[in-house]
């Protein structure tokens, strides 16, 4: 079965489909020693696809969820030799995280070698929901809870939480929040904007997938989970 060249590149884990199209446009991709500029050009396993003259081999797709610990960098590598999320994964193919969790933020992180899958979840138009457990330095005021649910502006763009559910009726500094935002440090910046400090942040679900592995451990997504995500966010 033939596949469009841009999709083939993304499925090989080379880049997202959009980035793959840029590589094609730049004339860096060839099929059977012929430069291809047409995004709709189709290939199959019999074709020799190359980037900058180096053959690209089709790779088995990998989809993982990791329970990221504190003190680990959400990156493929680190120039300061700090531990990265890749150091916690034992696979023989190159994978990359989808989005980021801060150095001291814990919880669910997707990792994959599927560029299309990454783009599907990370793109703002997907509106994939994230749920976090939050611990503040002090109780959240009711009026501030209302502001966070109504929306406040960060860098000129409005952001808001979908829900804020207190974990205790007595203590108002621990709760769960849900949002559709993937902006850098979004949860922490929302609270900081109102004068609060986030002392603990743990992502417990993303795109309908709940965190169900111990801290520092990971598992493969099931075929049903993968298919559900693709069907839900590809429209």
C-alpha atoms as a PDB file:
ATOM      1  CA  UNK A   1       0.000   0.000   0.000  1.00  0.00           C
ATOM      2  CA  UNK A   2       1.410   3.368  -1.051  1.00  0.00           C
ATOM      3  CA  UNK A   3       1.670   6.310   1.347  1.00  0.00           C
ATOM      4  CA  UNK A   4       2.048  10.026   0.641  1.00  0.00           C
ATOM      5  CA  UNK A   5       5.683  11.068   0.972  1.00  0.00           C
ATOM      6  CA  UNK A   6       5.043  13.648   3.717  1.00  0.00           C
ATOM      7  CA  UNK A   7       3.103  11.092   5.761  1.00  0.00           C
ATOM      8  CA  UNK A   8       5.839   8.495   5.224  1.00  0.00           C
ATOM      9  CA  UNK A   9       8.475  10.861   6.617  1.00  0.00           C
ATOM     10  CA  UNK A  10       6.320  11.618   9.655  1.00  0.00           C
ATOM     11  CA  UNK A  11       5.639   7.941  10.282  1.00  0.00           C
ATOM     12  CA  UNK A  12       9.377   7.259  10.226  1.00  0.00           C
ATOM     13  CA  UNK A  13       9.683   9.640  13.164  1.00  0.00           C
ATOM     14  CA  UNK A  14      11.758  12.071  11.126  1.00  0.00           C
ATOM     15  CA  UNK A  15       9.541  15.097  11.794  1.00  0.00           C
ATOM     16  CA  UNK A  16       5.916  16.213  11.935  1.00  0.00           C
ATOM     17  CA  UNK A  17       4.034  16.178   8.647  1.00  0.00           C
ATOM     18  CA  UNK A  18       4.291  19.969   8.405  1.00  0.00           C
ATOM     19  CA  UNK A  19       8.059  19.912   8.976  1.00  0.00           C
ATOM     20  CA  UNK A  20       8.327  17.049   6.474  1.00  0.00           C
ATOM     21  CA  UNK A  21       6.674  19.232   3.857  1.00  0.00           C
ATOM     22  CA  UNK A  22       9.322  21.900   4.487  1.00  0.00           C
ATOM     23  CA  UNK A  23      12.065  19.315   3.904  1.00  0.00           C
ATOM     24  CA  UNK A  24      10.399  18.290   0.639  1.00  0.00           C
ATOM     25  CA  UNK A  25       9.992  21.906  -0.471  1.00  0.00           C
ATOM     26  CA  UNK A  26      13.701  22.495   0.163  1.00  0.00           C
ATOM     27  CA  UNK A  27      14.542  19.667  -2.251  1.00  0.00           C
ATOM     28  CA  UNK A  28      16.192  17.546   0.422  1.00  0.00           C
ATOM     29  CA  UNK A  29      14.053  14.431  -0.106  1.00  0.00           C
ATOM     30  CA  UNK A  30      14.586  11.924  -2.912  1.00  0.00           C
ATOM     31  CA  UNK A  31      12.839   8.725  -3.987  1.00  0.00           C
ATOM     32  CA  UNK A  32      14.875   6.221  -5.970  1.00  0.00           C
ATOM     33  CA  UNK A  33      17.604   8.867  -6.475  1.00  0.00           C
ATOM     34  CA  UNK A  34      15.135  11.445  -7.850  1.00  0.00           C
ATOM     35  CA  UNK A  35      14.373  14.677  -5.947  1.00  0.00           C
ATOM     36  CA  UNK A  36      10.661  14.875  -5.070  1.00  0.00           C
ATOM     37  CA  UNK A  37       8.907  18.239  -4.631  1.00  0.00           C
ATOM     38  CA  UNK A  38       5.317  16.979  -4.737  1.00  0.00           C
ATOM     39  CA  UNK A  39       3.757  16.437  -1.290  1.00  0.00           C
ATOM     40  CA  UNK A  40       1.222  14.048  -2.855  1.00  0.00           C
ATOM     41  CA  UNK A  41       3.874  11.735  -4.311  1.00  0.00           C
ATOM     42  CA  UNK A  42       3.296   8.214  -2.959  1.00  0.00           C
ATOM     43  CA  UNK A  43       5.809   5.569  -1.907  1.00  0.00           C
ATOM     44  CA  UNK A  44       5.816   2.014  -0.588  1.00  0.00           C
ATOM     45  CA  UNK A  45       8.335  -0.378   0.976  1.00  0.00           C
ATOM     46  CA  UNK A  46       9.985  -1.029  -2.391  1.00  0.00           C
ATOM     47  CA  UNK A  47      11.040   2.615  -2.806  1.00  0.00           C
ATOM     48  CA  UNK A  48      14.339   4.001  -1.547  1.00  0.00           C
ATOM     49  CA  UNK A  49      13.517   7.239   0.268  1.00  0.00           C
ATOM     50  CA  UNK A  50      16.429   9.448   1.319  1.00  0.00           C
ATOM     51  CA  UNK A  51      16.995  12.732   3.150  1.00  0.00           C
ATOM     52  CA  UNK A  52      20.113  14.637   2.071  1.00  0.00           C
ATOM     53  CA  UNK A  53      21.248  11.446   0.325  1.00  0.00           C
ATOM     54  CA  UNK A  54      20.918   9.226   3.407  1.00  0.00           C
ATOM     55  CA  UNK A  55      18.335   6.454   3.208  1.00  0.00           C
ATOM     56  CA  UNK A  56      15.376   6.636   5.566  1.00  0.00           C
ATOM     57  CA  UNK A  57      14.120   3.339   6.890  1.00  0.00           C
ATOM     58  CA  UNK A  58      10.561   2.819   8.054  1.00  0.00           C
ATOM     59  CA  UNK A  59      10.452   2.448  11.831  1.00  0.00           C
ATOM     60  CA  UNK A  60       8.098   0.672  14.147  1.00  0.00           C
ATOM     61  CA  UNK A  61       5.901   3.257  15.816  1.00  0.00           C
ATOM     62  CA  UNK A  62       6.289   3.660  19.562  1.00  0.00           C
ATOM     63  CA  UNK A  63       3.720   5.251  21.880  1.00  0.00           C
ATOM     64  CA  UNK A  64       4.491   5.495  25.593  1.00  0.00           C
ATOM     65  CA  UNK A  65       3.257   7.241  28.728  1.00  0.00           C
ATOM     66  CA  UNK A  66       5.752   8.007  31.469  1.00  0.00           C
ATOM     67  CA  UNK A  67       5.127   9.081  35.048  1.00  0.00           C
ATOM     68  CA  UNK A  68       7.795  11.782  35.124  1.00  0.00           C
ATOM     69  CA  UNK A  69       9.571  12.293  38.477  1.00  0.00           C
ATOM     70  CA  UNK A  70      10.872  15.570  39.892  1.00  0.00           C
ATOM     71  CA  UNK A  71      14.356  16.626  38.899  1.00  0.00           C
ATOM     72  CA  UNK A  72      14.181  15.240  35.365  1.00  0.00           C
ATOM     73  CA  UNK A  73      14.412  17.306  32.173  1.00  0.00           C
ATOM     74  CA  UNK A  74      11.720  16.946  29.507  1.00  0.00           C
ATOM     75  CA  UNK A  75      14.202  16.810  26.659  1.00  0.00           C
ATOM     76  CA  UNK A  76      16.086  14.394  24.430  1.00  0.00           C
ATOM     77  CA  UNK A  77      19.439  15.580  25.840  1.00  0.00           C
ATOM     78  CA  UNK A  78      20.827  18.204  28.214  1.00  0.00           C
ATOM     79  CA  UNK A  79      24.053  20.195  27.844  1.00  0.00           C
ATOM     80  CA  UNK A  80      24.408  20.299  31.651  1.00  0.00           C
ATOM     81  CA  UNK A  81      24.315  16.499  31.872  1.00  0.00           C
ATOM     82  CA  UNK A  82      21.125  16.443  33.932  1.00  0.00           C
ATOM     83  CA  UNK A  83      18.919  13.364  33.746  1.00  0.00           C
ATOM     84  CA  UNK A  84      16.338  13.506  30.945  1.00  0.00           C
ATOM     85  CA  UNK A  85      13.089  11.626  30.407  1.00  0.00           C
ATOM     86  CA  UNK A  86      14.842   9.647  27.653  1.00  0.00           C
ATOM     87  CA  UNK A  87      17.225   8.251  30.284  1.00  0.00           C
ATOM     88  CA  UNK A  88      14.220   6.603  31.958  1.00  0.00           C
ATOM     89  CA  UNK A  89      13.100   4.770  28.805  1.00  0.00           C
ATOM     90  CA  UNK A  90      14.618   1.545  27.516  1.00  0.00           C
ATOM     91  CA  UNK A  91      13.855   1.416  23.785  1.00  0.00           C
ATOM     92  CA  UNK A  92      16.177   0.904  20.827  1.00  0.00           C
ATOM     93  CA  UNK A  93      14.672   3.666  18.673  1.00  0.00           C
ATOM     94  CA  UNK A  94      14.827   7.440  18.856  1.00  0.00           C
ATOM     95  CA  UNK A  95      11.743   8.874  20.575  1.00  0.00           C
ATOM     96  CA  UNK A  96      10.794  12.342  21.767  1.00  0.00           C
ATOM     97  CA  UNK A  97       8.387  13.810  24.338  1.00  0.00           C
ATOM     98  CA  UNK A  98       5.120  15.471  23.312  1.00  0.00           C
ATOM     99  CA  UNK A  99       5.123  18.879  24.965  1.00  0.00           C
ATOM    100  CA  UNK A 100       6.954  19.592  28.202  1.00  0.00           C
ATOM    101  CA  UNK A 101       6.693  19.251  31.948  1.00  0.00           C
ATOM    102  CA  UNK A 102       8.884  21.534  34.075  1.00  0.00           C
ATOM    103  CA  UNK A 103      11.939  20.237  35.937  1.00  0.00           C
ATOM    104  CA  UNK A 104      10.006  19.839  39.208  1.00  0.00           C
ATOM    105  CA  UNK A 105       6.593  19.065  37.671  1.00  0.00           C
ATOM    106  CA  UNK A 106       5.595  15.413  37.798  1.00  0.00           C
ATOM    107  CA  UNK A 107       3.086  13.198  36.048  1.00  0.00           C
ATOM    108  CA  UNK A 108       1.887  11.982  32.690  1.00  0.00           C
ATOM    109  CA  UNK A 109       4.104  12.592  29.681  1.00  0.00           C
ATOM    110  CA  UNK A 110       3.632  11.077  26.219  1.00  0.00           C
ATOM    111  CA  UNK A 111       6.688   9.952  24.242  1.00  0.00           C
ATOM    112  CA  UNK A 112       6.658   8.716  20.659  1.00  0.00           C
ATOM    113  CA  UNK A 113       8.504   8.535  17.339  1.00  0.00           C
ATOM    114  CA  UNK A 114       5.341   9.368  15.394  1.00  0.00           C
ATOM    115  CA  UNK A 115       5.509  12.999  14.256  1.00  0.00           C
ATOM    116  CA  UNK A 116       1.869  13.089  13.171  1.00  0.00           C
ATOM    117  CA  UNK A 117       0.690  11.771  16.530  1.00  0.00           C
ATOM    118  CA  UNK A 118       2.763  14.411  18.308  1.00  0.00           C
ATOM    119  CA  UNK A 119       1.331  17.186  16.141  1.00  0.00           C
ATOM    120  CA  UNK A 120      -2.177  15.863  16.704  1.00  0.00           C
ATOM    121  CA  UNK A 121      -1.931  16.231  20.483  1.00  0.00           C
ATOM    122  CA  UNK A 122       0.309  19.276  20.770  1.00  0.00           C
ATOM    123  CA  UNK A 123      -1.444  21.564  18.279  1.00  0.00           C
ATOM    124  CA  UNK A 124      -3.701  24.171  19.971  1.00  0.00           C
ATOM    125  CA  UNK A 125      -6.645  23.332  17.707  1.00  0.00           C
ATOM    126  CA  UNK A 126      -6.861  19.817  19.172  1.00  0.00           C
ATOM    127  CA  UNK A 127      -7.957  21.274  22.546  1.00  0.00           C
ATOM    128  CA  UNK A 128      -6.798  18.080  24.242  1.00  0.00           C
ATOM    129  CA  UNK A 129      -7.647  18.381  27.932  1.00  0.00           C
ATOM    130  CA  UNK A 130      -5.012  18.144  30.649  1.00  0.00           C
ATOM    131  CA  UNK A 131      -5.794  17.552  34.316  1.00  0.00           C
ATOM    132  CA  UNK A 132      -3.398  18.513  37.108  1.00  0.00           C
ATOM    133  CA  UNK A 133      -3.202  18.136  40.865  1.00  0.00           C
ATOM    134  CA  UNK A 134      -2.106  21.492  42.275  1.00  0.00           C
ATOM    135  CA  UNK A 135      -0.751  22.523  45.672  1.00  0.00           C
ATOM    136  CA  UNK A 136      -0.422  26.253  46.387  1.00  0.00           C
ATOM    137  CA  UNK A 137       1.508  28.137  49.071  1.00  0.00           C
ATOM    138  CA  UNK A 138      -1.808  29.426  50.481  1.00  0.00           C
ATOM    139  CA  UNK A 139      -5.546  28.957  50.184  1.00  0.00           C
ATOM    140  CA  UNK A 140      -7.144  29.980  46.901  1.00  0.00           C
ATOM    141  CA  UNK A 141      -9.606  32.826  47.350  1.00  0.00           C
ATOM    142  CA  UNK A 142     -13.087  32.290  45.924  1.00  0.00           C
ATOM    143  CA  UNK A 143     -12.880  35.496  43.890  1.00  0.00           C
ATOM    144  CA  UNK A 144      -9.596  34.315  42.360  1.00  0.00           C
ATOM    145  CA  UNK A 145     -11.121  30.930  41.556  1.00  0.00           C
ATOM    146  CA  UNK A 146     -13.815  32.796  39.612  1.00  0.00           C
ATOM    147  CA  UNK A 147     -11.179  34.783  37.701  1.00  0.00           C
ATOM    148  CA  UNK A 148      -9.302  31.617  36.744  1.00  0.00           C
ATOM    149  CA  UNK A 149     -12.502  29.995  35.444  1.00  0.00           C
ATOM    150  CA  UNK A 150     -13.650  33.127  33.622  1.00  0.00           C
ATOM    151  CA  UNK A 151     -10.271  33.814  32.086  1.00  0.00           C
ATOM    152  CA  UNK A 152      -7.232  36.043  32.568  1.00  0.00           C
ATOM    153  CA  UNK A 153      -4.732  37.358  30.026  1.00  0.00           C
ATOM    154  CA  UNK A 154      -1.188  36.033  29.713  1.00  0.00           C
ATOM    155  CA  UNK A 155       1.005  37.768  27.137  1.00  0.00           C
ATOM    156  CA  UNK A 156      -2.083  39.308  25.560  1.00  0.00           C
ATOM    157  CA  UNK A 157      -3.887  35.993  25.123  1.00  0.00           C
ATOM    158  CA  UNK A 158      -6.771  34.881  27.306  1.00  0.00           C
ATOM    159  CA  UNK A 159      -6.411  31.630  29.212  1.00  0.00           C
ATOM    160  CA  UNK A 160      -8.694  29.849  31.635  1.00  0.00           C
ATOM    161  CA  UNK A 161      -9.293  26.640  33.538  1.00  0.00           C
ATOM    162  CA  UNK A 162     -12.317  24.519  32.657  1.00  0.00           C
ATOM    163  CA  UNK A 163     -12.802  23.250  36.210  1.00  0.00           C
ATOM    164  CA  UNK A 164     -11.237  23.729  39.638  1.00  0.00           C
ATOM    165  CA  UNK A 165     -12.189  21.031  42.163  1.00  0.00           C
ATOM    166  CA  UNK A 166     -10.949  21.293  45.748  1.00  0.00           C
ATOM    167  CA  UNK A 167      -9.600  18.059  47.223  1.00  0.00           C
ATOM    168  CA  UNK A 168     -10.707  19.123  50.689  1.00  0.00           C
ATOM    169  CA  UNK A 169     -13.467  21.424  51.869  1.00  0.00           C
ATOM    170  CA  UNK A 170     -11.285  22.489  54.789  1.00  0.00           C
ATOM    171  CA  UNK A 171      -8.022  23.245  52.991  1.00  0.00           C
ATOM    172  CA  UNK A 172      -8.353  25.370  49.849  1.00  0.00           C
ATOM    173  CA  UNK A 173      -4.791  25.167  48.628  1.00  0.00           C
ATOM    174  CA  UNK A 174      -4.998  21.652  47.147  1.00  0.00           C
ATOM    175  CA  UNK A 175      -7.211  20.885  44.154  1.00  0.00           C
ATOM    176  CA  UNK A 176      -7.464  19.549  40.620  1.00  0.00           C
ATOM    177  CA  UNK A 177      -7.690  21.790  37.566  1.00  0.00           C
ATOM    178  CA  UNK A 178      -8.578  20.938  33.975  1.00  0.00           C
ATOM    179  CA  UNK A 179      -7.541  22.994  30.963  1.00  0.00           C
ATOM    180  CA  UNK A 180      -7.056  22.762  27.208  1.00  0.00           C
ATOM    181  CA  UNK A 181      -3.877  24.843  27.186  1.00  0.00           C
ATOM    182  CA  UNK A 182      -0.421  23.660  26.223  1.00  0.00           C
ATOM    183  CA  UNK A 183       1.400  26.957  26.581  1.00  0.00           C
ATOM    184  CA  UNK A 184       4.727  26.850  28.412  1.00  0.00           C
ATOM    185  CA  UNK A 185       4.271  26.783  32.223  1.00  0.00           C
ATOM    186  CA  UNK A 186       0.601  27.663  31.739  1.00  0.00           C
ATOM    187  CA  UNK A 187      -0.735  26.417  35.090  1.00  0.00           C
ATOM    188  CA  UNK A 188       2.046  27.995  37.141  1.00  0.00           C
ATOM    189  CA  UNK A 189       1.787  31.293  35.285  1.00  0.00           C
ATOM    190  CA  UNK A 190      -1.981  31.475  35.784  1.00  0.00           C
ATOM    191  CA  UNK A 191      -1.600  31.262  39.550  1.00  0.00           C
ATOM    192  CA  UNK A 192       1.503  33.454  39.625  1.00  0.00           C
ATOM    193  CA  UNK A 193      -0.454  36.162  37.794  1.00  0.00           C
ATOM    194  CA  UNK A 194      -2.777  36.328  40.821  1.00  0.00           C
ATOM    195  CA  UNK A 195       0.023  36.267  43.404  1.00  0.00           C
ATOM    196  CA  UNK A 196       0.140  32.548  44.243  1.00  0.00           C
ATOM    197  CA  UNK A 197       3.099  30.181  44.179  1.00  0.00           C
ATOM    198  CA  UNK A 198       2.630  26.629  42.942  1.00  0.00           C
ATOM    199  CA  UNK A 199       4.488  24.320  45.346  1.00  0.00           C
ATOM    200  CA  UNK A 200       3.404  21.074  43.736  1.00  0.00           C
ATOM    201  CA  UNK A 201       2.127  20.215  40.243  1.00  0.00           C
ATOM    202  CA  UNK A 202       1.292  16.734  38.968  1.00  0.00           C
ATOM    203  CA  UNK A 203      -0.385  15.930  35.626  1.00  0.00           C
ATOM    204  CA  UNK A 204      -2.798  13.055  36.131  1.00  0.00           C
ATOM    205  CA  UNK A 205      -4.443  12.851  32.708  1.00  0.00           C
ATOM    206  CA  UNK A 206      -3.987  14.058  29.140  1.00  0.00           C
ATOM    207  CA  UNK A 207      -6.294  13.595  26.144  1.00  0.00           C
ATOM    208  CA  UNK A 208      -8.490  11.208  28.105  1.00  0.00           C
ATOM    209  CA  UNK A 209      -5.590   8.943  29.153  1.00  0.00           C
ATOM    210  CA  UNK A 210      -5.210   8.642  32.932  1.00  0.00           C
ATOM    211  CA  UNK A 211      -1.890   8.212  34.694  1.00  0.00           C
ATOM    212  CA  UNK A 212      -1.729   4.606  35.896  1.00  0.00           C
ATOM    213  CA  UNK A 213       1.979   3.799  36.311  1.00  0.00           C
ATOM    214  CA  UNK A 214       4.280   4.364  39.325  1.00  0.00           C
ATOM    215  CA  UNK A 215       6.579   7.376  39.471  1.00  0.00           C
ATOM    216  CA  UNK A 216       9.551   6.953  37.134  1.00  0.00           C
ATOM    217  CA  UNK A 217       7.920   4.056  35.263  1.00  0.00           C
ATOM    218  CA  UNK A 218       6.303   3.878  31.817  1.00  0.00           C
ATOM    219  CA  UNK A 219       4.106   1.676  29.661  1.00  0.00           C
ATOM    220  CA  UNK A 220       3.036   1.334  26.053  1.00  0.00           C
ATOM    221  CA  UNK A 221      -0.265   2.815  24.968  1.00  0.00           C
ATOM    222  CA  UNK A 222      -2.741   0.151  23.905  1.00  0.00           C
ATOM    223  CA  UNK A 223      -3.907  -0.007  20.305  1.00  0.00           C
ATOM    224  CA  UNK A 224      -7.358   1.020  21.505  1.00  0.00           C
ATOM    225  CA  UNK A 225      -5.946   4.100  23.272  1.00  0.00           C
ATOM    226  CA  UNK A 226      -3.926   5.084  20.208  1.00  0.00           C
ATOM    227  CA  UNK A 227      -6.883   4.677  17.868  1.00  0.00           C
ATOM    228  CA  UNK A 228      -9.228   6.570  20.208  1.00  0.00           C
ATOM    229  CA  UNK A 229      -6.842   9.539  20.360  1.00  0.00           C
ATOM    230  CA  UNK A 230      -6.380   9.589  16.591  1.00  0.00           C
ATOM    231  CA  UNK A 231     -10.125   9.447  15.930  1.00  0.00           C
ATOM    232  CA  UNK A 232     -10.969  12.043  18.578  1.00  0.00           C
ATOM    233  CA  UNK A 233      -8.410  14.696  17.637  1.00  0.00           C
ATOM    234  CA  UNK A 234      -7.984  14.271  13.895  1.00  0.00           C
ATOM    235  CA  UNK A 235     -11.316  15.973  13.139  1.00  0.00           C
END
